[in-house]
Full PDB file with SEQRES, HELIX, SHEET, SSBOND, CRYST1, ORIGX, SCALE, CONECT and MASTER records, all heavy atoms in Angstrom:
SEQRES   1 A   40  GLY ASN LEU ASP LEU SER LYS GLY LEU ARG LYS ALA LEU          
SEQRES   2 A   40  GLU PHE GLN ASN LYS LEU THR ASN VAL ASP LYS VAL SER          
SEQRES   3 A   40  PRO GLN PRO SER VAL GLY GLY GLU VAL VAL ASP LEU PHE          
SEQRES   4 A   40  ALA                                                          
HELIX    1 AA1 LYS A    7  ASN A   17  1                                  11    
HELIX    2 AA2 LYS A   18  VAL A   22  3                                   5    
CRYST1    1.000    1.000    1.000  90.00  90.00  90.00 P 1           1          
ORIGX1      1.000000  0.000000  0.000000        0.00000                         
ORIGX2      0.000000  1.000000  0.000000        0.00000                         
ORIGX3      0.000000  0.000000  1.000000        0.00000                         
SCALE1      1.000000  0.000000  0.000000        0.00000                         
SCALE2      0.000000  1.000000  0.000000        0.00000                         
SCALE3      0.000000  0.000000  1.000000        0.00000                         
ATOM      1  N   GLY A   1      -2.965  -5.322  -6.274  1.00  0.00           N  
ATOM      2  CA  GLY A   1      -2.747  -3.891  -6.409  1.00  0.00           C  
ATOM      3  C   GLY A   1      -3.523  -3.037  -5.428  1.00  0.00           C  
ATOM      4  O   GLY A   1      -3.611  -1.814  -5.593  1.00  0.00           O  
ATOM      5  N   ASN A   2      -4.069  -3.667  -4.390  1.00  0.00           N  
ATOM      6  CA  ASN A   2      -4.816  -2.927  -3.375  1.00  0.00           C  
ATOM      7  C   ASN A   2      -3.936  -2.646  -2.164  1.00  0.00           C  
ATOM      8  O   ASN A   2      -2.971  -3.357  -1.894  1.00  0.00           O  
ATOM      9  CB  ASN A   2      -6.043  -3.733  -2.940  1.00  0.00           C  
ATOM     10  CG  ASN A   2      -7.014  -3.962  -4.081  1.00  0.00           C  
ATOM     11  OD1 ASN A   2      -7.337  -3.031  -4.819  1.00  0.00           O  
ATOM     12  ND2 ASN A   2      -7.467  -5.192  -4.241  1.00  0.00           N  
ATOM     13  N   LEU A   3      -4.295  -1.611  -1.414  1.00  0.00           N  
ATOM     14  CA  LEU A   3      -3.524  -1.239  -0.233  1.00  0.00           C  
ATOM     15  C   LEU A   3      -3.698  -2.254   0.887  1.00  0.00           C  
ATOM     16  O   LEU A   3      -4.796  -2.753   1.119  1.00  0.00           O  
ATOM     17  CB  LEU A   3      -3.954   0.144   0.267  1.00  0.00           C  
ATOM     18  CG  LEU A   3      -3.624   1.337  -0.632  1.00  0.00           C  
ATOM     19  CD1 LEU A   3      -4.200   2.612  -0.035  1.00  0.00           C  
ATOM     20  CD2 LEU A   3      -2.115   1.476  -0.826  1.00  0.00           C  
ATOM     21  N   ASP A   4      -2.605  -2.559   1.554  1.00  0.00           N  
ATOM     22  CA  ASP A   4      -2.618  -3.403   2.745  1.00  0.00           C  
ATOM     23  C   ASP A   4      -1.925  -2.607   3.845  1.00  0.00           C  
ATOM     24  O   ASP A   4      -0.731  -2.740   4.072  1.00  0.00           O  
ATOM     25  CB  ASP A   4      -1.895  -4.728   2.474  1.00  0.00           C  
ATOM     26  CG  ASP A   4      -1.788  -5.599   3.723  1.00  0.00           C  
ATOM     27  OD1 ASP A   4      -2.533  -5.331   4.697  1.00  0.00           O  
ATOM     28  OD2 ASP A   4      -0.961  -6.521   3.749  1.00  0.00           O  
ATOM     29  N   LEU A   5      -2.675  -1.736   4.479  1.00  0.00           N  
ATOM     30  CA  LEU A   5      -2.154  -0.848   5.516  1.00  0.00           C  
ATOM     31  C   LEU A   5      -3.077  -0.928   6.727  1.00  0.00           C  
ATOM     32  O   LEU A   5      -4.180  -0.393   6.695  1.00  0.00           O  
ATOM     33  CB  LEU A   5      -2.092   0.605   5.012  1.00  0.00           C  
ATOM     34  CG  LEU A   5      -1.241   0.880   3.765  1.00  0.00           C  
ATOM     35  CD1 LEU A   5      -1.457   2.307   3.285  1.00  0.00           C  
ATOM     36  CD2 LEU A   5       0.230   0.645   4.072  1.00  0.00           C  
ATOM     37  N   SER A   6      -2.630  -1.593   7.784  1.00  0.00           N  
ATOM     38  CA  SER A   6      -3.490  -1.733   8.958  1.00  0.00           C  
ATOM     39  C   SER A   6      -2.657  -1.766  10.239  1.00  0.00           C  
ATOM     40  O   SER A   6      -2.258  -0.726  10.756  1.00  0.00           O  
ATOM     41  CB  SER A   6      -4.351  -2.995   8.830  1.00  0.00           C  
ATOM     42  OG  SER A   6      -3.541  -4.148   8.592  1.00  0.00           O  
ATOM     43  N   LYS A   7      -2.372  -2.961  10.737  1.00  0.00           N  
ATOM     44  CA  LYS A   7      -1.634  -3.090  11.992  1.00  0.00           C  
ATOM     45  C   LYS A   7      -0.217  -2.532  11.880  1.00  0.00           C  
ATOM     46  O   LYS A   7       0.289  -1.893  12.804  1.00  0.00           O  
ATOM     47  CB  LYS A   7      -1.594  -4.559  12.422  1.00  0.00           C  
ATOM     48  CG  LYS A   7      -2.957  -5.130  12.796  1.00  0.00           C  
ATOM     49  CD  LYS A   7      -2.832  -6.588  13.231  1.00  0.00           C  
ATOM     50  CE  LYS A   7      -4.202  -7.143  13.610  1.00  0.00           C  
ATOM     51  NZ  LYS A   7      -4.107  -8.584  14.016  1.00  0.00           N  
ATOM     52  N   GLY A   8       0.424  -2.791  10.767  1.00  0.00           N  
ATOM     53  CA  GLY A   8       1.774  -2.272  10.562  1.00  0.00           C  
ATOM     54  C   GLY A   8       1.784  -0.758  10.502  1.00  0.00           C  
ATOM     55  O   GLY A   8       2.691  -0.109  11.033  1.00  0.00           O  
ATOM     56  N   LEU A   9       0.782  -0.179   9.845  1.00  0.00           N  
ATOM     57  CA  LEU A   9       0.668   1.273   9.774  1.00  0.00           C  
ATOM     58  C   LEU A   9       0.490   1.861  11.168  1.00  0.00           C  
ATOM     59  O   LEU A   9       1.127   2.859  11.522  1.00  0.00           O  
ATOM     60  CB  LEU A   9      -0.514   1.664   8.886  1.00  0.00           C  
ATOM     61  CG  LEU A   9      -0.895   3.147   8.875  1.00  0.00           C  
ATOM     62  CD1 LEU A   9       0.286   4.015   8.443  1.00  0.00           C  
ATOM     63  CD2 LEU A   9      -2.095   3.376   7.952  1.00  0.00           C  
ATOM     64  N   ARG A  10      -0.361   1.232  11.972  1.00  0.00           N  
ATOM     65  CA  ARG A  10      -0.589   1.712  13.331  1.00  0.00           C  
ATOM     66  C   ARG A  10       0.715   1.713  14.137  1.00  0.00           C  
ATOM     67  O   ARG A  10       1.049   2.687  14.816  1.00  0.00           O  
ATOM     68  CB  ARG A  10      -1.636   0.855  14.028  1.00  0.00           C  
ATOM     69  CG  ARG A  10      -1.985   1.335  15.454  1.00  0.00           C  
ATOM     70  CD  ARG A  10      -2.948   0.359  16.123  1.00  0.00           C  
ATOM     71  NE  ARG A  10      -4.179   0.270  15.389  1.00  0.00           N  
ATOM     72  CZ  ARG A  10      -5.188   1.137  15.489  1.00  0.00           C  
ATOM     73  NH1 ARG A  10      -5.073   2.184  16.301  1.00  0.00           N  
ATOM     74  NH2 ARG A  10      -6.291   0.981  14.786  1.00  0.00           N  
ATOM     75  N   LYS A  11       1.466   0.614  14.041  1.00  0.00           N  
ATOM     76  CA  LYS A  11       2.717   0.508  14.795  1.00  0.00           C  
ATOM     77  C   LYS A  11       3.731   1.560  14.342  1.00  0.00           C  
ATOM     78  O   LYS A  11       4.431   2.155  15.157  1.00  0.00           O  
ATOM     79  CB  LYS A  11       3.320  -0.891  14.647  1.00  0.00           C  
ATOM     80  CG  LYS A  11       2.534  -1.989  15.343  1.00  0.00           C  
ATOM     81  CD  LYS A  11       3.253  -3.324  15.286  1.00  0.00           C  
ATOM     82  CE  LYS A  11       4.494  -3.328  16.153  1.00  0.00           C  
ATOM     83  NZ  LYS A  11       5.109  -4.662  16.246  1.00  0.00           N  
ATOM     84  N   ALA A  12       3.794   1.796  13.033  1.00  0.00           N  
ATOM     85  CA  ALA A  12       4.734   2.771  12.498  1.00  0.00           C  
ATOM     86  C   ALA A  12       4.376   4.186  12.966  1.00  0.00           C  
ATOM     87  O   ALA A  12       5.261   4.967  13.350  1.00  0.00           O  
ATOM     88  CB  ALA A  12       4.753   2.714  10.967  1.00  0.00           C  
ATOM     89  N   LEU A  13       3.096   4.515  12.927  1.00  0.00           N  
ATOM     90  CA  LEU A  13       2.654   5.833  13.366  1.00  0.00           C  
ATOM     91  C   LEU A  13       2.912   6.024  14.861  1.00  0.00           C  
ATOM     92  O   LEU A  13       3.374   7.095  15.290  1.00  0.00           O  
ATOM     93  CB  LEU A  13       1.171   6.023  13.059  1.00  0.00           C  
ATOM     94  CG  LEU A  13       0.795   6.228  11.579  1.00  0.00           C  
ATOM     95  CD1 LEU A  13      -0.716   6.145  11.390  1.00  0.00           C  
ATOM     96  CD2 LEU A  13       1.317   7.568  11.076  1.00  0.00           C  
ATOM     97  N   GLU A  14       2.621   5.004  15.636  1.00  0.00           N  
ATOM     98  CA  GLU A  14       2.845   5.090  17.084  1.00  0.00           C  
ATOM     99  C   GLU A  14       4.330   5.246  17.397  1.00  0.00           C  
ATOM    100  O   GLU A  14       4.711   6.044  18.262  1.00  0.00           O  
ATOM    101  CB  GLU A  14       2.279   3.845  17.775  1.00  0.00           C  
ATOM    102  CG  GLU A  14       0.758   3.775  17.761  1.00  0.00           C  
ATOM    103  CD  GLU A  14       0.209   2.477  18.334  1.00  0.00           C  
ATOM    104  OE1 GLU A  14       1.008   1.508  18.460  1.00  0.00           O  
ATOM    105  OE2 GLU A  14      -0.999   2.401  18.628  1.00  0.00           O  
ATOM    106  N   PHE A  15       5.162   4.506  16.687  1.00  0.00           N  
ATOM    107  CA  PHE A  15       6.599   4.558  16.949  1.00  0.00           C  
ATOM    108  C   PHE A  15       7.189   5.920  16.581  1.00  0.00           C  
ATOM    109  O   PHE A  15       7.915   6.533  17.385  1.00  0.00           O  
ATOM    110  CB  PHE A  15       7.311   3.457  16.169  1.00  0.00           C  
ATOM    111  CG  PHE A  15       8.802   3.457  16.343  1.00  0.00           C  
ATOM    112  CD1 PHE A  15       9.378   3.104  17.562  1.00  0.00           C  
ATOM    113  CD2 PHE A  15       9.649   3.813  15.303  1.00  0.00           C  
ATOM    114  CE1 PHE A  15      10.763   3.107  17.735  1.00  0.00           C  
ATOM    115  CE2 PHE A  15      11.029   3.821  15.465  1.00  0.00           C  
ATOM    116  CZ  PHE A  15      11.581   3.470  16.689  1.00  0.00           C  
ATOM    117  N   GLN A  16       6.874   6.396  15.382  1.00  0.00           N  
ATOM    118  CA  GLN A  16       7.444   7.674  14.966  1.00  0.00           C  
ATOM    119  C   GLN A  16       6.890   8.822  15.808  1.00  0.00           C  
ATOM    120  O   GLN A  16       7.611   9.787  16.110  1.00  0.00           O  
ATOM    121  CB  GLN A  16       7.167   7.934  13.475  1.00  0.00           C  
ATOM    122  CG  GLN A  16       7.918   9.117  12.909  1.00  0.00           C  
ATOM    123  CD  GLN A  16       9.430   8.970  12.988  1.00  0.00           C  
ATOM    124  OE1 GLN A  16       9.967   7.871  12.853  1.00  0.00           O  
ATOM    125  NE2 GLN A  16      10.136  10.071  13.207  1.00  0.00           N  
ATOM    126  N   ASN A  17       5.640   8.716  16.235  1.00  0.00           N  
ATOM    127  CA  ASN A  17       5.060   9.740  17.108  1.00  0.00           C  
ATOM    128  C   ASN A  17       5.776   9.761  18.461  1.00  0.00           C  
ATOM    129  O   ASN A  17       6.002  10.827  19.040  1.00  0.00           O  
ATOM    130  CB  ASN A  17       3.570   9.494  17.300  1.00  0.00           C  
ATOM    131  CG  ASN A  17       2.896  10.614  18.078  1.00  0.00           C  
ATOM    132  OD1 ASN A  17       2.875  11.762  17.653  1.00  0.00           O  
ATOM    133  ND2 ASN A  17       2.353  10.286  19.245  1.00  0.00           N  
ATOM    134  N   LYS A  18       6.147   8.583  18.940  1.00  0.00           N  
ATOM    135  CA  LYS A  18       6.875   8.502  20.209  1.00  0.00           C  
ATOM    136  C   LYS A  18       8.246   9.164  20.087  1.00  0.00           C  
ATOM    137  O   LYS A  18       8.668   9.926  20.961  1.00  0.00           O  
ATOM    138  CB  LYS A  18       7.024   7.049  20.646  1.00  0.00           C  
ATOM    139  CG  LYS A  18       7.603   6.863  22.053  1.00  0.00           C  
ATOM    140  CD  LYS A  18       7.516   5.392  22.481  1.00  0.00           C  
ATOM    141  CE  LYS A  18       7.939   5.235  23.946  1.00  0.00           C  
ATOM    142  NZ  LYS A  18       9.335   5.530  24.189  1.00  0.00           N  
ATOM    143  N   LEU A  19       8.948   8.879  18.985  1.00  0.00           N  
ATOM    144  CA  LEU A  19      10.254   9.495  18.760  1.00  0.00           C  
ATOM    145  C   LEU A  19      10.138  11.017  18.703  1.00  0.00           C  
ATOM    146  O   LEU A  19      10.990  11.736  19.239  1.00  0.00           O  
ATOM    147  CB  LEU A  19      10.857   8.991  17.446  1.00  0.00           C  
ATOM    148  CG  LEU A  19      11.253   7.520  17.327  1.00  0.00           C  
ATOM    149  CD1 LEU A  19      11.750   7.231  15.916  1.00  0.00           C  
ATOM    150  CD2 LEU A  19      12.308   7.145  18.352  1.00  0.00           C  
ATOM    151  N   THR A  20       9.070  11.487  18.052  1.00  0.00           N  
ATOM    152  CA  THR A  20       8.919  12.919  17.795  1.00  0.00           C  
ATOM    153  C   THR A  20       8.345  13.688  18.985  1.00  0.00           C  
ATOM    154  O   THR A  20       8.898  14.726  19.389  1.00  0.00           O  
ATOM    155  CB  THR A  20       8.017  13.147  16.565  1.00  0.00           C  
ATOM    156  OG1 THR A  20       8.571  12.448  15.439  1.00  0.00           O  
ATOM    157  CG2 THR A  20       7.904  14.632  16.233  1.00  0.00           C  
ATOM    158  N   ASN A  21       7.279  13.179  19.552  1.00  0.00           N  
ATOM    159  CA  ASN A  21       6.526  13.969  20.540  1.00  0.00           C  
ATOM    160  C   ASN A  21       6.631  13.492  21.983  1.00  0.00           C  
ATOM    161  O   ASN A  21       6.219  14.217  22.893  1.00  0.00           O  
ATOM    162  CB  ASN A  21       5.054  14.017  20.122  1.00  0.00           C  
ATOM    163  CG  ASN A  21       4.852  14.748  18.802  1.00  0.00           C  
ATOM    164  OD1 ASN A  21       5.373  15.839  18.605  1.00  0.00           O  
ATOM    165  ND2 ASN A  21       4.120  14.120  17.881  1.00  0.00           N  
ATOM    166  N   VAL A  22       7.174  12.295  22.202  1.00  0.00           N  
ATOM    167  CA  VAL A  22       7.337  11.797  23.567  1.00  0.00           C  
ATOM    168  C   VAL A  22       8.819  11.821  23.954  1.00  0.00           C  
ATOM    169  O   VAL A  22       9.240  12.522  24.873  1.00  0.00           O  
ATOM    170  CB  VAL A  22       6.756  10.376  23.720  1.00  0.00           C  
ATOM    171  CG1 VAL A  22       6.962   9.889  25.164  1.00  0.00           C  
ATOM    172  CG2 VAL A  22       5.271  10.360  23.357  1.00  0.00           C  
ATOM    173  N   ASP A  23       9.629  11.064  23.203  1.00  0.00           N  
ATOM    174  CA  ASP A  23      11.065  11.058  23.470  1.00  0.00           C  
ATOM    175  C   ASP A  23      11.723  12.371  23.049  1.00  0.00           C  
ATOM    176  O   ASP A  23      12.753  12.763  23.616  1.00  0.00           O  
ATOM    177  CB  ASP A  23      11.747   9.910  22.708  1.00  0.00           C  
ATOM    178  CG  ASP A  23      11.245   8.543  23.122  1.00  0.00           C  
ATOM    179  OD1 ASP A  23      10.724   8.420  24.251  1.00  0.00           O  
ATOM    180  OD2 ASP A  23      11.376   7.591  22.323  1.00  0.00           O  
ATOM    181  N   LYS A  24      11.134  12.995  22.036  1.00  0.00           N  
ATOM    182  CA  LYS A  24      11.666  14.250  21.471  1.00  0.00           C  
ATOM    183  C   LYS A  24      13.123  14.096  21.024  1.00  0.00           C  
ATOM    184  O   LYS A  24      13.988  14.936  21.304  1.00  0.00           O  
ATOM    185  CB  LYS A  24      11.526  15.398  22.480  1.00  0.00           C  
ATOM    186  CG  LYS A  24      10.078  15.707  22.855  1.00  0.00           C  
ATOM    187  CD  LYS A  24       9.968  16.921  23.737  1.00  0.00           C  
ATOM    188  CE  LYS A  24       8.530  17.183  24.187  1.00  0.00           C  
ATOM    189  NZ  LYS A  24       7.611  17.392  23.068  1.00  0.00           N  
ATOM    190  N   VAL A  25      13.376  12.992  20.316  1.00  0.00           N  
ATOM    191  CA  VAL A  25      14.710  12.746  19.775  1.00  0.00           C  
ATOM    192  C   VAL A  25      14.755  12.956  18.266  1.00  0.00           C  
ATOM    193  O   VAL A  25      15.800  12.803  17.629  1.00  0.00           O  
ATOM    194  CB  VAL A  25      15.179  11.311  20.121  1.00  0.00           C  
ATOM    195  CG1 VAL A  25      15.322  11.151  21.622  1.00  0.00           C  
ATOM    196  CG2 VAL A  25      14.223  10.265  19.548  1.00  0.00           C  
ATOM    197  N   SER A  26      13.605  13.290  17.687  1.00  0.00           N  
ATOM    198  CA  SER A  26      13.482  13.537  16.252  1.00  0.00           C  
ATOM    199  C   SER A  26      12.574  14.750  16.074  1.00  0.00           C  
ATOM    200  O   SER A  26      11.527  14.835  16.717  1.00  0.00           O  
ATOM    201  CB  SER A  26      12.884  12.313  15.541  1.00  0.00           C  
ATOM    202  OG  SER A  26      12.713  12.555  14.158  1.00  0.00           O  
ATOM    203  N   PRO A  27      12.950  15.712  15.248  1.00  0.00           N  
ATOM    204  CA  PRO A  27      12.122  16.909  15.077  1.00  0.00           C  
ATOM    205  C   PRO A  27      10.821  16.615  14.345  1.00  0.00           C  
ATOM    206  O   PRO A  27      10.682  15.574  13.697  1.00  0.00           O  
ATOM    207  CB  PRO A  27      13.019  17.842  14.263  1.00  0.00           C  
ATOM    208  CG  PRO A  27      13.901  16.922  13.489  1.00  0.00           C  
ATOM    209  CD  PRO A  27      14.161  15.752  14.406  1.00  0.00           C  
ATOM    210  N   GLN A  28       9.880  17.529  14.440  1.00  0.00           N  
ATOM    211  CA  GLN A  28       8.635  17.377  13.704  1.00  0.00           C  
ATOM    212  C   GLN A  28       8.903  17.547  12.212  1.00  0.00           C  
ATOM    213  O   GLN A  28       9.860  18.215  11.807  1.00  0.00           O  
ATOM    214  CB  GLN A  28       7.616  18.403  14.180  1.00  0.00           C  
ATOM    215  CG  GLN A  28       7.089  18.124  15.578  1.00  0.00           C  
ATOM    216  CD  GLN A  28       5.886  18.975  15.929  1.00  0.00           C  
ATOM    217  OE1 GLN A  28       5.736  20.083  15.422  1.00  0.00           O  
ATOM    218  NE2 GLN A  28       5.036  18.460  16.800  1.00  0.00           N  
ATOM    219  N   PRO A  29       8.070  16.927  11.382  1.00  0.00           N  
ATOM    220  CA  PRO A  29       8.287  17.017   9.932  1.00  0.00           C  
ATOM    221  C   PRO A  29       8.126  18.443   9.430  1.00  0.00           C  
ATOM    222  O   PRO A  29       7.344  19.226   9.971  1.00  0.00           O  
ATOM    223  CB  PRO A  29       7.209  16.089   9.358  1.00  0.00           C  
ATOM    224  CG  PRO A  29       6.141  16.054  10.414  1.00  0.00           C  
ATOM    225  CD  PRO A  29       6.881  16.120  11.716  1.00  0.00           C  
ATOM    226  N   SER A  30       8.881  18.753   8.398  1.00  0.00           N  
ATOM    227  CA  SER A  30       8.789  20.076   7.781  1.00  0.00           C  
ATOM    228  C   SER A  30       7.535  20.137   6.918  1.00  0.00           C  
ATOM    229  O   SER A  30       7.218  19.192   6.196  1.00  0.00           O  
ATOM    230  CB  SER A  30      10.021  20.346   6.923  1.00  0.00           C  
ATOM    231  OG  SER A  30       9.901  21.565   6.228  1.00  0.00           O  
ATOM    232  N   VAL A  31       6.828  21.239   7.016  1.00  0.00           N  
ATOM    233  CA  VAL A  31       5.619  21.432   6.212  1.00  0.00           C  
ATOM    234  C   VAL A  31       5.814  22.657   5.337  1.00  0.00           C  
ATOM    235  O   VAL A  31       5.802  23.791   5.807  1.00  0.00           O  
ATOM    236  CB  VAL A  31       4.370  21.620   7.103  1.00  0.00           C  
ATOM    237  CG1 VAL A  31       3.137  21.823   6.222  1.00  0.00           C  
ATOM    238  CG2 VAL A  31       4.184  20.431   8.024  1.00  0.00           C  
ATOM    239  N   GLY A  32       6.038  22.424   4.050  1.00  0.00           N  
ATOM    240  CA  GLY A  32       6.279  23.530   3.133  1.00  0.00           C  
ATOM    241  C   GLY A  32       7.668  24.112   3.310  1.00  0.00           C  
ATOM    242  O   GLY A  32       8.347  23.884   4.300  1.00  0.00           O  
ATOM    243  N   GLY A  33       8.106  24.868   2.325  1.00  0.00           N  
ATOM    244  CA  GLY A  33       9.419  25.493   2.411  1.00  0.00           C  
ATOM    245  C   GLY A  33      10.555  24.509   2.185  1.00  0.00           C  
ATOM    246  O   GLY A  33      10.357  23.332   1.907  1.00  0.00           O  
ATOM    247  N   GLU A  34      11.759  24.981   2.356  1.00  0.00           N  
ATOM    248  CA  GLU A  34      12.952  24.167   2.117  1.00  0.00           C  
ATOM    249  C   GLU A  34      13.223  23.248   3.303  1.00  0.00           C  
ATOM    250  O   GLU A  34      13.165  23.666   4.461  1.00  0.00           O  
ATOM    251  CB  GLU A  34      14.156  25.063   1.880  1.00  0.00           C  
ATOM    252  CG  GLU A  34      15.426  24.306   1.514  1.00  0.00           C  
ATOM    253  CD  GLU A  34      16.581  25.247   1.218  1.00  0.00           C  
ATOM    254  OE1 GLU A  34      16.335  26.470   1.172  1.00  0.00           O  
ATOM    255  OE2 GLU A  34      17.700  24.755   1.042  1.00  0.00           O  
ATOM    256  N   VAL A  35      13.495  21.986   3.026  1.00  0.00           N  
ATOM    257  CA  VAL A  35      13.803  21.014   4.067  1.00  0.00           C  
ATOM    258  C   VAL A  35      15.309  21.003   4.292  1.00  0.00           C  
ATOM    259  O   VAL A  35      16.091  20.762   3.374  1.00  0.00           O  
ATOM    260  CB  VAL A  35      13.322  19.602   3.671  1.00  0.00           C  
ATOM    261  CG1 VAL A  35      13.697  18.607   4.754  1.00  0.00           C  
ATOM    262  CG2 VAL A  35      11.812  19.595   3.447  1.00  0.00           C  
ATOM    263  N   VAL A  36      15.727  21.272   5.530  1.00  0.00           N  
ATOM    264  CA  VAL A  36      17.141  21.278   5.865  1.00  0.00           C  
ATOM    265  C   VAL A  36      17.592  19.853   6.169  1.00  0.00           C  
ATOM    266  O   VAL A  36      16.942  19.137   6.939  1.00  0.00           O  
ATOM    267  CB  VAL A  36      17.413  22.186   7.081  1.00  0.00           C  
ATOM    268  CG1 VAL A  36      18.885  22.122   7.471  1.00  0.00           C  
ATOM    269  CG2 VAL A  36      17.002  23.627   6.773  1.00  0.00           C  
ATOM    270  N   ASP A  37      18.672  19.417   5.547  1.00  0.00           N  
ATOM    271  CA  ASP A  37      19.215  18.088   5.801  1.00  0.00           C  
ATOM    272  C   ASP A  37      20.061  18.165   7.074  1.00  0.00           C  
ATOM    273  O   ASP A  37      21.228  18.552   7.043  1.00  0.00           O  
ATOM    274  CB  ASP A  37      20.069  17.631   4.610  1.00  0.00           C  
ATOM    275  CG  ASP A  37      20.498  16.171   4.711  1.00  0.00           C  
ATOM    276  OD1 ASP A  37      20.640  15.680   5.847  1.00  0.00           O  
ATOM    277  OD2 ASP A  37      20.694  15.544   3.656  1.00  0.00           O  
ATOM    278  N   LEU A  38      19.456  17.807   8.200  1.00  0.00           N  
ATOM    279  CA  LEU A  38      20.134  17.921   9.488  1.00  0.00           C  
ATOM    280  C   LEU A  38      21.318  16.967   9.602  1.00  0.00           C  
ATOM    281  O   LEU A  38      22.297  17.263  10.284  1.00  0.00           O  
ATOM    282  CB  LEU A  38      19.140  17.657  10.628  1.00  0.00           C  
ATOM    283  CG  LEU A  38      18.011  18.677  10.775  1.00  0.00           C  
ATOM    284  CD1 LEU A  38      17.065  18.252  11.896  1.00  0.00           C  
ATOM    285  CD2 LEU A  38      18.562  20.061  11.051  1.00  0.00           C  
ATOM    286  N   PHE A  39      21.237  15.825   8.929  1.00  0.00           N  
ATOM    287  CA  PHE A  39      22.344  14.876   8.975  1.00  0.00           C  
ATOM    288  C   PHE A  39      23.563  15.461   8.266  1.00  0.00           C  
ATOM    289  O   PHE A  39      24.671  15.475   8.810  1.00  0.00           O  
ATOM    290  CB  PHE A  39      21.944  13.548   8.338  1.00  0.00           C  
ATOM    291  CG  PHE A  39      23.032  12.505   8.382  1.00  0.00           C  
ATOM    292  CD1 PHE A  39      23.314  11.837   9.563  1.00  0.00           C  
ATOM    293  CD2 PHE A  39      23.777  12.204   7.255  1.00  0.00           C  
ATOM    294  CE1 PHE A  39      24.327  10.873   9.622  1.00  0.00           C  
ATOM    295  CE2 PHE A  39      24.790  11.247   7.293  1.00  0.00           C  
ATOM    296  CZ  PHE A  39      25.062  10.586   8.483  1.00  0.00           C  
ATOM    297  N   ALA A  40      23.373  15.957   7.057  1.00  0.00           N  
ATOM    298  CA  ALA A  40      24.477  16.545   6.302  1.00  0.00           C  
ATOM    299  C   ALA A  40      25.040  17.770   7.012  1.00  0.00           C  
ATOM    300  O   ALA A  40      26.248  18.038   6.940  1.00  0.00           O  
ATOM    301  CB  ALA A  40      24.018  16.928   4.900  1.00  0.00           C  
TER     302      ALA A  40                                                      
MASTER        0    0    0    2    0    0    0    6  301    1    0    4          
END                                                                             
């Protein structure tokens, strides 16, 4: 029941950050307010 978040977490953060802030193919996450479903 303990957390196992290490190398996989690092890879996930690096990948999603690349999509968002380097490739700019995914918008930044919404913070507060209503989340618009861009797919729909």
